[in-house]
């Protein structure tokens, strides 16, 4: 049985750990409110952008832009993986990397060469350890300063690689924020771009579809809007991942705090049992000594 001093030191250590996990839970909760607000404000813009692009695509041919044309021979595949920079958020990063590696294996079995562009330290470390070919690193960029310029840089590299035939496919893997308890990894085909269909675009029930007159012509607008649509998808993935990261960390730290409470209770019970056993042993020694003297 451990000594009283050892048990007491363990209780103190677990108590300090509880303070840390509780503080991290509060910090993650504050950051989650900001990140959730950003993604909720951006989603209507992304939905309207998709609706406008769907209306334009009705008047355009299937291969009106190089980003819409599929390459005949598919040899190279690029995967843009968005994770967090820091850990302590449960299995959040592991789920995203597992999804990305599963996709990479499918493409490898299909005879394609796979390379990774990682946004976030955790994804970069996992892909590098797995031995995959690494492209440009965007590690340590998933903090509070996520801006559209970062998404534009990632999208520009993907677009340039696809237009110069360096990549035949570009996929995006990130963590989608659905709710506090549902943070699934999501995989979408970034390039070749699938122009959204009119029936896929959000529309209010009972709304009458209007016929728009565009200035300049549809061809020029299409050339300008398609690359921006890729940037919007990447930026939306970054905002989703940021909100999901804080939600996952908040849940993980809440579980850790509860585990600390349970461990403190069990250690306190062990401390009381050890103390009672020590007192009983001393009483037995005193009674035995008194009987020896009286005899």
C-alpha atoms as a PDB file:
ATOM      1  CA  UNK A   1       0.000   0.000   0.000  1.00  0.00           C
ATOM      2  CA  UNK A   2       1.426   3.447  -0.902  1.00  0.00           C
ATOM      3  CA  UNK A   3       2.381   5.864   1.807  1.00  0.00           C
ATOM      4  CA  UNK A   4       0.221   8.806   2.835  1.00  0.00           C
ATOM      5  CA  UNK A   5       2.732  11.271   1.414  1.00  0.00           C
ATOM      6  CA  UNK A   6       2.709   9.612  -2.033  1.00  0.00           C
ATOM      7  CA  UNK A   7      -1.089   9.572  -2.218  1.00  0.00           C
ATOM      8  CA  UNK A   8      -1.316  13.197  -1.099  1.00  0.00           C
ATOM      9  CA  UNK A   9       1.210  14.277  -3.755  1.00  0.00           C
ATOM     10  CA  UNK A  10      -0.820  12.479  -6.416  1.00  0.00           C
ATOM     11  CA  UNK A  11      -3.975  14.275  -5.303  1.00  0.00           C
ATOM     12  CA  UNK A  12      -2.203  17.643  -5.512  1.00  0.00           C
ATOM     13  CA  UNK A  13      -0.814  16.813  -8.974  1.00  0.00           C
ATOM     14  CA  UNK A  14      -4.194  15.742 -10.351  1.00  0.00           C
ATOM     15  CA  UNK A  15      -5.750  18.889  -8.875  1.00  0.00           C
ATOM     16  CA  UNK A  16      -3.268  21.079 -10.771  1.00  0.00           C
ATOM     17  CA  UNK A  17      -3.993  19.148 -13.962  1.00  0.00           C
ATOM     18  CA  UNK A  18      -7.701  19.772 -13.386  1.00  0.00           C
ATOM     19  CA  UNK A  19      -7.066  23.508 -13.147  1.00  0.00           C
ATOM     20  CA  UNK A  20      -5.216  23.441 -16.488  1.00  0.00           C
ATOM     21  CA  UNK A  21      -7.886  21.430 -18.303  1.00  0.00           C
ATOM     22  CA  UNK A  22     -10.661  23.627 -16.917  1.00  0.00           C
ATOM     23  CA  UNK A  23      -8.841  26.780 -18.055  1.00  0.00           C
ATOM     24  CA  UNK A  24      -8.261  25.291 -21.535  1.00  0.00           C
ATOM     25  CA  UNK A  25     -11.951  24.401 -21.728  1.00  0.00           C
ATOM     26  CA  UNK A  26     -12.895  28.011 -21.010  1.00  0.00           C
ATOM     27  CA  UNK A  27     -10.416  29.353 -23.580  1.00  0.00           C
ATOM     28  CA  UNK A  28     -11.686  26.912 -26.228  1.00  0.00           C
ATOM     29  CA  UNK A  29     -15.268  27.921 -25.434  1.00  0.00           C
ATOM     30  CA  UNK A  30     -14.467  31.611 -25.979  1.00  0.00           C
ATOM     31  CA  UNK A  31     -12.642  30.900 -29.241  1.00  0.00           C
ATOM     32  CA  UNK A  32     -15.445  28.630 -30.420  1.00  0.00           C
ATOM     33  CA  UNK A  33     -17.999  31.438 -30.208  1.00  0.00           C
ATOM     34  CA  UNK A  34     -15.867  33.608 -32.484  1.00  0.00           C
ATOM     35  CA  UNK A  35     -15.055  30.799 -34.959  1.00  0.00           C
ATOM     36  CA  UNK A  36     -18.660  29.606 -35.095  1.00  0.00           C
ATOM     37  CA  UNK A  37     -19.846  33.141 -35.750  1.00  0.00           C
ATOM     38  CA  UNK A  38     -17.399  33.474 -38.676  1.00  0.00           C
ATOM     39  CA  UNK A  39     -18.463  30.265 -40.391  1.00  0.00           C
ATOM     40  CA  UNK A  40     -22.168  31.026 -39.882  1.00  0.00           C
ATOM     41  CA  UNK A  41     -21.708  34.472 -41.448  1.00  0.00           C
ATOM     42  CA  UNK A  42     -19.735  33.073 -44.394  1.00  0.00           C
ATOM     43  CA  UNK A  43     -22.036  30.184 -45.321  1.00  0.00           C
ATOM     44  CA  UNK A  44     -24.832  32.394 -46.761  1.00  0.00           C
ATOM     45  CA  UNK A  45     -22.231  34.135 -48.950  1.00  0.00           C
ATOM     46  CA  UNK A  46     -20.890  30.774 -50.183  1.00  0.00           C
ATOM     47  CA  UNK A  47     -24.441  29.547 -50.855  1.00  0.00           C
ATOM     48  CA  UNK A  48     -25.320  32.677 -52.844  1.00  0.00           C
ATOM     49  CA  UNK A  49     -22.059  32.401 -54.771  1.00  0.00           C
ATOM     50  CA  UNK A  50     -22.963  28.822 -55.661  1.00  0.00           C
ATOM     51  CA  UNK A  51     -26.418  29.935 -56.781  1.00  0.00           C
ATOM     52  CA  UNK A  52     -25.028  32.659 -59.070  1.00  0.00           C
ATOM     53  CA  UNK A  53     -22.516  30.215 -60.562  1.00  0.00           C
ATOM     54  CA  UNK A  54     -25.296  27.700 -61.146  1.00  0.00           C
ATOM     55  CA  UNK A  55     -27.318  30.281 -63.051  1.00  0.00           C
ATOM     56  CA  UNK A  56     -24.293  31.119 -65.192  1.00  0.00           C
ATOM     57  CA  UNK A  57     -23.478  27.477 -65.898  1.00  0.00           C
ATOM     58  CA  UNK A  58     -26.903  27.001 -67.516  1.00  0.00           C
ATOM     59  CA  UNK A  59     -25.817  29.260 -70.367  1.00  0.00           C
ATOM     60  CA  UNK A  60     -22.297  27.905 -70.749  1.00  0.00           C
ATOM     61  CA  UNK A  61     -20.865  24.823 -72.413  1.00  0.00           C
ATOM     62  CA  UNK A  62     -19.347  22.012 -70.354  1.00  0.00           C
ATOM     63  CA  UNK A  63     -15.716  22.832 -71.238  1.00  0.00           C
ATOM     64  CA  UNK A  64     -16.020  26.600 -71.257  1.00  0.00           C
ATOM     65  CA  UNK A  65     -13.096  26.914 -68.819  1.00  0.00           C
ATOM     66  CA  UNK A  66      -9.888  24.850 -68.269  1.00  0.00           C
ATOM     67  CA  UNK A  67     -10.900  24.201 -64.657  1.00  0.00           C
ATOM     68  CA  UNK A  68     -14.013  22.372 -65.864  1.00  0.00           C
ATOM     69  CA  UNK A  69     -12.183  20.112 -68.352  1.00  0.00           C
ATOM     70  CA  UNK A  70     -11.111  16.673 -67.133  1.00  0.00           C
ATOM     71  CA  UNK A  71      -7.667  15.456 -68.177  1.00  0.00           C
ATOM     72  CA  UNK A  72      -7.635  12.391 -70.378  1.00  0.00           C
ATOM     73  CA  UNK A  73      -4.731  10.707 -68.554  1.00  0.00           C
ATOM     74  CA  UNK A  74      -4.826  10.907 -64.787  1.00  0.00           C
ATOM     75  CA  UNK A  75      -1.356  10.381 -63.348  1.00  0.00           C
ATOM     76  CA  UNK A  76      -0.928  12.920 -60.528  1.00  0.00           C
ATOM     77  CA  UNK A  77      -3.254  13.706 -57.642  1.00  0.00           C
ATOM     78  CA  UNK A  78      -2.895  16.515 -55.100  1.00  0.00           C
ATOM     79  CA  UNK A  79      -4.656  16.450 -51.721  1.00  0.00           C
ATOM     80  CA  UNK A  80      -5.135  19.676 -49.768  1.00  0.00           C
ATOM     81  CA  UNK A  81      -5.511  18.620 -46.131  1.00  0.00           C
ATOM     82  CA  UNK A  82      -6.644  21.162 -43.523  1.00  0.00           C
ATOM     83  CA  UNK A  83      -5.989  20.350 -39.870  1.00  0.00           C
ATOM     84  CA  UNK A  84      -5.170  22.283 -36.707  1.00  0.00           C
ATOM     85  CA  UNK A  85      -1.763  23.462 -35.543  1.00  0.00           C
ATOM     86  CA  UNK A  86      -2.167  22.239 -31.968  1.00  0.00           C
ATOM     87  CA  UNK A  87      -3.323  19.006 -30.395  1.00  0.00           C
ATOM     88  CA  UNK A  88      -5.319  18.254 -27.220  1.00  0.00           C
ATOM     89  CA  UNK A  89      -8.533  18.073 -29.248  1.00  0.00           C
ATOM     90  CA  UNK A  90      -9.281  14.358 -29.098  1.00  0.00           C
ATOM     91  CA  UNK A  91      -9.456  12.383 -32.325  1.00  0.00           C
ATOM     92  CA  UNK A  92     -10.280  15.432 -34.463  1.00  0.00           C
ATOM     93  CA  UNK A  93      -6.979  15.621 -36.378  1.00  0.00           C
ATOM     94  CA  UNK A  94      -6.692  11.840 -36.507  1.00  0.00           C
ATOM     95  CA  UNK A  95     -10.057  11.540 -38.247  1.00  0.00           C
ATOM     96  CA  UNK A  96      -9.050  14.075 -40.909  1.00  0.00           C
ATOM     97  CA  UNK A  97      -5.650  12.479 -41.576  1.00  0.00           C
ATOM     98  CA  UNK A  98      -7.205   9.001 -41.710  1.00  0.00           C
ATOM     99  CA  UNK A  99      -9.736  10.226 -44.275  1.00  0.00           C
ATOM    100  CA  UNK A 100      -6.985  11.849 -46.353  1.00  0.00           C
ATOM    101  CA  UNK A 101      -4.723   8.768 -46.201  1.00  0.00           C
ATOM    102  CA  UNK A 102      -7.645   6.542 -47.198  1.00  0.00           C
ATOM    103  CA  UNK A 103      -8.189   8.726 -50.253  1.00  0.00           C
ATOM    104  CA  UNK A 104      -4.458   8.673 -50.996  1.00  0.00           C
ATOM    105  CA  UNK A 105      -4.429   4.861 -50.940  1.00  0.00           C
ATOM    106  CA  UNK A 106      -7.375   4.720 -53.328  1.00  0.00           C
ATOM    107  CA  UNK A 107      -5.581   7.004 -55.774  1.00  0.00           C
ATOM    108  CA  UNK A 108      -2.333   5.046 -55.394  1.00  0.00           C
ATOM    109  CA  UNK A 109      -4.139   1.798 -56.193  1.00  0.00           C
ATOM    110  CA  UNK A 110      -5.570   3.523 -59.274  1.00  0.00           C
ATOM    111  CA  UNK A 111      -2.002   4.144 -60.486  1.00  0.00           C
ATOM    112  CA  UNK A 112      -1.743   7.831 -59.580  1.00  0.00           C
ATOM    113  CA  UNK A 113       1.094   9.637 -57.817  1.00  0.00           C
ATOM    114  CA  UNK A 114      -0.169  11.423 -54.678  1.00  0.00           C
ATOM    115  CA  UNK A 115       1.242  14.604 -53.132  1.00  0.00           C
ATOM    116  CA  UNK A 116       0.001  16.611 -50.146  1.00  0.00           C
ATOM    117  CA  UNK A 117      -0.439  20.321 -49.475  1.00  0.00           C
ATOM    118  CA  UNK A 118      -1.073  20.633 -45.753  1.00  0.00           C
ATOM    119  CA  UNK A 119      -2.636  23.591 -43.972  1.00  0.00           C
ATOM    120  CA  UNK A 120      -1.940  23.069 -40.280  1.00  0.00           C
ATOM    121  CA  UNK A 121       0.965  21.590 -38.331  1.00  0.00           C
ATOM    122  CA  UNK A 122      -0.705  18.297 -37.374  1.00  0.00           C
ATOM    123  CA  UNK A 123      -1.541  17.316 -40.941  1.00  0.00           C
ATOM    124  CA  UNK A 124       1.934  18.275 -42.125  1.00  0.00           C
ATOM    125  CA  UNK A 125       3.613  16.105 -39.482  1.00  0.00           C
ATOM    126  CA  UNK A 126       1.333  13.125 -40.159  1.00  0.00           C
ATOM    127  CA  UNK A 127       1.777  13.228 -43.961  1.00  0.00           C
ATOM    128  CA  UNK A 128       5.547  13.669 -43.667  1.00  0.00           C
ATOM    129  CA  UNK A 129       5.874  10.714 -41.275  1.00  0.00           C
ATOM    130  CA  UNK A 130       3.736   8.588 -43.593  1.00  0.00           C
ATOM    131  CA  UNK A 131       6.272   9.203 -46.383  1.00  0.00           C
ATOM    132  CA  UNK A 132       4.078  11.067 -48.849  1.00  0.00           C
ATOM    133  CA  UNK A 133       5.424  13.669 -51.263  1.00  0.00           C
ATOM    134  CA  UNK A 134       4.991  17.105 -49.705  1.00  0.00           C
ATOM    135  CA  UNK A 135       4.122  20.286 -51.547  1.00  0.00           C
ATOM    136  CA  UNK A 136       4.086  23.774 -50.067  1.00  0.00           C
ATOM    137  CA  UNK A 137       3.678  23.818 -46.282  1.00  0.00           C
ATOM    138  CA  UNK A 138       1.140  26.097 -44.627  1.00  0.00           C
ATOM    139  CA  UNK A 139       1.921  24.913 -41.093  1.00  0.00           C
ATOM    140  CA  UNK A 140       1.340  27.192 -38.103  1.00  0.00           C
ATOM    141  CA  UNK A 141      -1.232  29.190 -40.078  1.00  0.00           C
ATOM    142  CA  UNK A 142      -4.470  27.870 -38.510  1.00  0.00           C
ATOM    143  CA  UNK A 143      -4.539  30.252 -35.560  1.00  0.00           C
ATOM    144  CA  UNK A 144      -6.903  33.139 -34.951  1.00  0.00           C
ATOM    145  CA  UNK A 145      -5.619  35.023 -38.014  1.00  0.00           C
ATOM    146  CA  UNK A 146      -7.291  32.951 -40.748  1.00  0.00           C
ATOM    147  CA  UNK A 147      -7.907  35.284 -43.655  1.00  0.00           C
ATOM    148  CA  UNK A 148      -8.955  35.012 -47.277  1.00  0.00           C
ATOM    149  CA  UNK A 149      -5.378  35.681 -48.437  1.00  0.00           C
ATOM    150  CA  UNK A 150      -4.255  32.309 -47.074  1.00  0.00           C
ATOM    151  CA  UNK A 151      -7.099  30.520 -48.867  1.00  0.00           C
ATOM    152  CA  UNK A 152      -6.223  32.414 -52.051  1.00  0.00           C
ATOM    153  CA  UNK A 153      -2.601  31.230 -51.844  1.00  0.00           C
ATOM    154  CA  UNK A 154      -3.631  27.593 -51.415  1.00  0.00           C
ATOM    155  CA  UNK A 155      -6.217  27.824 -54.210  1.00  0.00           C
ATOM    156  CA  UNK A 156      -3.799  29.617 -56.549  1.00  0.00           C
ATOM    157  CA  UNK A 157      -1.236  26.825 -56.183  1.00  0.00           C
ATOM    158  CA  UNK A 158      -3.894  24.194 -56.910  1.00  0.00           C
ATOM    159  CA  UNK A 159      -5.247  26.094 -59.928  1.00  0.00           C
ATOM    160  CA  UNK A 160      -1.766  26.687 -61.363  1.00  0.00           C
ATOM    161  CA  UNK A 161      -0.868  23.011 -60.958  1.00  0.00           C
ATOM    162  CA  UNK A 162      -4.072  21.899 -62.671  1.00  0.00           C
ATOM    163  CA  UNK A 163      -3.773  24.323 -65.576  1.00  0.00           C
ATOM    164  CA  UNK A 164      -0.125  23.386 -66.205  1.00  0.00           C
ATOM    165  CA  UNK A 165      -1.030  19.650 -66.100  1.00  0.00           C
ATOM    166  CA  UNK A 166       1.101  19.097 -62.995  1.00  0.00           C
ATOM    167  CA  UNK A 167      -2.047  17.746 -61.281  1.00  0.00           C
ATOM    168  CA  UNK A 168      -4.852  15.805 -62.866  1.00  0.00           C
ATOM    169  CA  UNK A 169      -7.031  15.890 -59.753  1.00  0.00           C
ATOM    170  CA  UNK A 170      -7.102  18.107 -56.655  1.00  0.00           C
ATOM    171  CA  UNK A 171      -9.034  17.057 -53.548  1.00  0.00           C
ATOM    172  CA  UNK A 172      -9.853  18.974 -50.370  1.00  0.00           C
ATOM    173  CA  UNK A 173     -10.093  17.233 -46.976  1.00  0.00           C
ATOM    174  CA  UNK A 174     -11.150  19.171 -43.884  1.00  0.00           C
ATOM    175  CA  UNK A 175     -13.255  18.952 -40.723  1.00  0.00           C
ATOM    176  CA  UNK A 176     -16.840  20.105 -41.170  1.00  0.00           C
ATOM    177  CA  UNK A 177     -18.582  21.865 -38.289  1.00  0.00           C
ATOM    178  CA  UNK A 178     -22.127  20.486 -38.145  1.00  0.00           C
ATOM    179  CA  UNK A 179     -22.769  20.749 -34.410  1.00  0.00           C
ATOM    180  CA  UNK A 180     -20.891  20.490 -31.123  1.00  0.00           C
ATOM    181  CA  UNK A 181     -21.191  16.721 -31.126  1.00  0.00           C
ATOM    182  CA  UNK A 182     -20.884  16.090 -34.857  1.00  0.00           C
ATOM    183  CA  UNK A 183     -17.584  17.093 -36.496  1.00  0.00           C
ATOM    184  CA  UNK A 184     -17.131  14.709 -39.443  1.00  0.00           C
ATOM    185  CA  UNK A 185     -14.201  14.891 -41.884  1.00  0.00           C
ATOM    186  CA  UNK A 186     -15.354  15.891 -45.346  1.00  0.00           C
ATOM    187  CA  UNK A 187     -13.804  15.196 -48.755  1.00  0.00           C
ATOM    188  CA  UNK A 188     -14.674  17.191 -51.868  1.00  0.00           C
ATOM    189  CA  UNK A 189     -13.207  17.218 -55.367  1.00  0.00           C
ATOM    190  CA  UNK A 190     -11.712  20.660 -55.817  1.00  0.00           C
ATOM    191  CA  UNK A 191     -10.502  20.213 -59.404  1.00  0.00           C
ATOM    192  CA  UNK A 192     -11.717  19.435 -62.035  1.00  0.00           C
ATOM    193  CA  UNK A 193     -14.436  21.775 -60.901  1.00  0.00           C
ATOM    194  CA  UNK A 194     -17.987  20.538 -61.087  1.00  0.00           C
ATOM    195  CA  UNK A 195     -20.122  23.533 -61.970  1.00  0.00           C
ATOM    196  CA  UNK A 196     -23.051  23.531 -59.523  1.00  0.00           C
ATOM    197  CA  UNK A 197     -26.388  22.607 -61.019  1.00  0.00           C
ATOM    198  CA  UNK A 198     -29.393  24.856 -60.753  1.00  0.00           C
ATOM    199  CA  UNK A 199     -31.382  22.279 -58.788  1.00  0.00           C
ATOM    200  CA  UNK A 200     -28.481  21.942 -56.294  1.00  0.00           C
ATOM    201  CA  UNK A 201     -28.376  25.647 -55.488  1.00  0.00           C
ATOM    202  CA  UNK A 202     -30.385  26.773 -52.448  1.00  0.00           C
ATOM    203  CA  UNK A 203     -33.736  28.332 -53.238  1.00  0.00           C
ATOM    204  CA  UNK A 204     -36.470  29.594 -50.989  1.00  0.00           C
ATOM    205  CA  UNK A 205     -39.699  27.628 -51.154  1.00  0.00           C
ATOM    206  CA  UNK A 206     -42.128  29.277 -53.550  1.00  0.00           C
ATOM    207  CA  UNK A 207     -39.481  31.619 -54.970  1.00  0.00           C
ATOM    208  CA  UNK A 208     -39.889  32.459 -58.660  1.00  0.00           C
ATOM    209  CA  UNK A 209     -36.675  31.983 -60.619  1.00  0.00           C
ATOM    210  CA  UNK A 210     -35.584  35.159 -62.419  1.00  0.00           C
ATOM    211  CA  UNK A 211     -33.740  35.541 -65.685  1.00  0.00           C
ATOM    212  CA  UNK A 212     -30.670  37.719 -65.196  1.00  0.00           C
ATOM    213  CA  UNK A 213     -28.949  40.010 -67.663  1.00  0.00           C
ATOM    214  CA  UNK A 214     -25.179  39.964 -67.135  1.00  0.00           C
ATOM    215  CA  UNK A 215     -22.684  42.724 -67.776  1.00  0.00           C
ATOM    216  CA  UNK A 216     -20.066  41.949 -69.009  1.00  0.00           C
ATOM    217  CA  UNK A 217     -20.914  38.840 -71.003  1.00  0.00           C
ATOM    218  CA  UNK A 218     -21.356  35.425 -69.379  1.00  0.00           C
ATOM    219  CA  UNK A 219     -18.050  34.132 -70.765  1.00  0.00           C
ATOM    220  CA  UNK A 220     -15.993  36.846 -69.072  1.00  0.00           C
ATOM    221  CA  UNK A 221     -17.871  36.462 -65.790  1.00  0.00           C
ATOM    222  CA  UNK A 222     -17.406  32.700 -65.874  1.00  0.00           C
ATOM    223  CA  UNK A 223     -13.643  33.059 -66.334  1.00  0.00           C
ATOM    224  CA  UNK A 224     -13.516  35.434 -63.363  1.00  0.00           C
ATOM    225  CA  UNK A 225     -15.892  33.592 -61.024  1.00  0.00           C
ATOM    226  CA  UNK A 226     -14.623  30.014 -61.349  1.00  0.00           C
ATOM    227  CA  UNK A 227     -11.184  30.616 -59.741  1.00  0.00           C
ATOM    228  CA  UNK A 228     -12.891  32.661 -57.029  1.00  0.00           C
ATOM    229  CA  UNK A 229     -15.253  29.759 -56.416  1.00  0.00           C
ATOM    230  CA  UNK A 230     -12.250  27.521 -55.713  1.00  0.00           C
ATOM    231  CA  UNK A 231     -10.952  30.103 -53.224  1.00  0.00           C
ATOM    232  CA  UNK A 232     -14.346  30.266 -51.550  1.00  0.00           C
ATOM    233  CA  UNK A 233     -14.390  26.485 -51.090  1.00  0.00           C
ATOM    234  CA  UNK A 234     -10.909  26.458 -49.559  1.00  0.00           C
ATOM    235  CA  UNK A 235     -11.720  29.365 -47.246  1.00  0.00           C
ATOM    236  CA  UNK A 236     -14.967  27.717 -46.159  1.00  0.00           C
ATOM    237  CA  UNK A 237     -12.999  24.550 -45.354  1.00  0.00           C
ATOM    238  CA  UNK A 238     -10.554  26.552 -43.226  1.00  0.00           C
ATOM    239  CA  UNK A 239     -13.337  28.242 -41.275  1.00  0.00           C
ATOM    240  CA  UNK A 240     -15.100  24.907 -40.763  1.00  0.00           C
ATOM    241  CA  UNK A 241     -11.889  23.293 -39.524  1.00  0.00           C
ATOM    242  CA  UNK A 242     -11.174  26.171 -37.146  1.00  0.00           C
ATOM    243  CA  UNK A 243     -14.627  25.968 -35.549  1.00  0.00           C
ATOM    244  CA  UNK A 244     -14.445  22.167 -35.393  1.00  0.00           C
ATOM    245  CA  UNK A 245     -11.024  22.308 -33.730  1.00  0.00           C
ATOM    246  CA  UNK A 246     -12.255  24.523 -30.875  1.00  0.00           C
ATOM    247  CA  UNK A 247     -15.391  22.416 -30.429  1.00  0.00           C
ATOM    248  CA  UNK A 248     -13.332  19.217 -30.286  1.00  0.00           C
ATOM    249  CA  UNK A 249     -10.848  20.750 -27.828  1.00  0.00           C
ATOM    250  CA  UNK A 250     -13.679  22.008 -25.636  1.00  0.00           C
ATOM    251  CA  UNK A 251     -15.204  18.524 -25.493  1.00  0.00           C
ATOM    252  CA  UNK A 252     -11.813  16.873 -24.864  1.00  0.00           C
ATOM    253  CA  UNK A 253     -10.943  19.248 -22.015  1.00  0.00           C
ATOM    254  CA  UNK A 254     -14.393  18.771 -20.489  1.00  0.00           C
ATOM    255  CA  UNK A 255     -13.869  14.998 -20.503  1.00  0.00           C
ATOM    256  CA  UNK A 256     -10.381  15.465 -19.024  1.00  0.00           C
ATOM    257  CA  UNK A 257     -11.785  17.626 -16.201  1.00  0.00           C
ATOM    258  CA  UNK A 258     -14.389  14.976 -15.362  1.00  0.00           C
ATOM    259  CA  UNK A 259     -11.703  12.292 -15.371  1.00  0.00           C
ATOM    260  CA  UNK A 260      -9.627  14.408 -12.985  1.00  0.00           C
ATOM    261  CA  UNK A 261     -12.590  14.681 -10.617  1.00  0.00           C
ATOM    262  CA  UNK A 262     -13.092  10.910 -10.681  1.00  0.00           C
ATOM    263  CA  UNK A 263      -9.376  10.310 -10.112  1.00  0.00           C
ATOM    264  CA  UNK A 264      -9.295  12.775  -7.198  1.00  0.00           C
ATOM    265  CA  UNK A 265     -12.266  10.993  -5.596  1.00  0.00           C
ATOM    266  CA  UNK A 266     -10.617   7.590  -5.956  1.00  0.00           C
ATOM    267  CA  UNK A 267      -7.290   8.907  -4.614  1.00  0.00           C
ATOM    268  CA  UNK A 268      -9.057  10.575  -1.681  1.00  0.00           C
ATOM    269  CA  UNK A 269     -10.719   7.269  -0.870  1.00  0.00           C
ATOM    270  CA  UNK A 270      -7.337   5.535  -1.074  1.00  0.00           C
ATOM    271  CA  UNK A 271      -5.820   8.227   1.169  1.00  0.00           C
ATOM    272  CA  UNK A 272      -8.512   7.692   3.802  1.00  0.00           C
ATOM    273  CA  UNK A 273      -8.088   3.923   3.668  1.00  0.00           C
ATOM    274  CA  UNK A 274      -4.310   4.252   3.961  1.00  0.00           C
ATOM    275  CA  UNK A 275      -4.670   6.667   6.870  1.00  0.00           C
ATOM    276  CA  UNK A 276      -7.156   4.377   8.612  1.00  0.00           C
ATOM    277  CA  UNK A 277      -4.857   1.397   8.123  1.00  0.00           C
ATOM    278  CA  UNK A 278      -1.957   3.387   9.600  1.00  0.00           C
ATOM    279  CA  UNK A 279      -4.014   4.386  12.639  1.00  0.00           C
ATOM    280  CA  UNK A 280      -5.190   0.804  13.146  1.00  0.00           C
ATOM    281  CA  UNK A 281      -1.608  -0.471  12.940  1.00  0.00           C
ATOM    282  CA  UNK A 282      -0.470   2.062  15.554  1.00  0.00           C
ATOM    283  CA  UNK A 283      -3.338   1.116  17.887  1.00  0.00           C
ATOM    284  CA  UNK A 284      -2.446  -2.558  17.570  1.00  0.00           C
ATOM    285  CA  UNK A 285       1.152  -1.750  18.484  1.00  0.00           C
ATOM    286  CA  UNK A 286       0.043   0.300  21.498  1.00  0.00           C
ATOM    287  CA  UNK A 287      -2.345  -2.389  22.743  1.00  0.00           C
ATOM    288  CA  UNK A 288       0.268  -5.106  22.206  1.00  0.00           C
ATOM    289  CA  UNK A 289       2.870  -3.101  24.112  1.00  0.00           C
ATOM    290  CA  UNK A 290       0.460  -2.467  27.006  1.00  0.00           C
ATOM    291  CA  UNK A 291      -0.396  -6.154  27.271  1.00  0.00           C
ATOM    292  CA  UNK A 292       3.288  -7.056  27.237  1.00  0.00           C
ATOM    293  CA  UNK A 293       3.989  -4.654  30.119  1.00  0.00           C
ATOM    294  CA  UNK A 294       1.040  -5.899  32.173  1.00  0.00           C
ATOM    295  CA  UNK A 295       2.105  -9.505  31.664  1.00  0.00           C
END
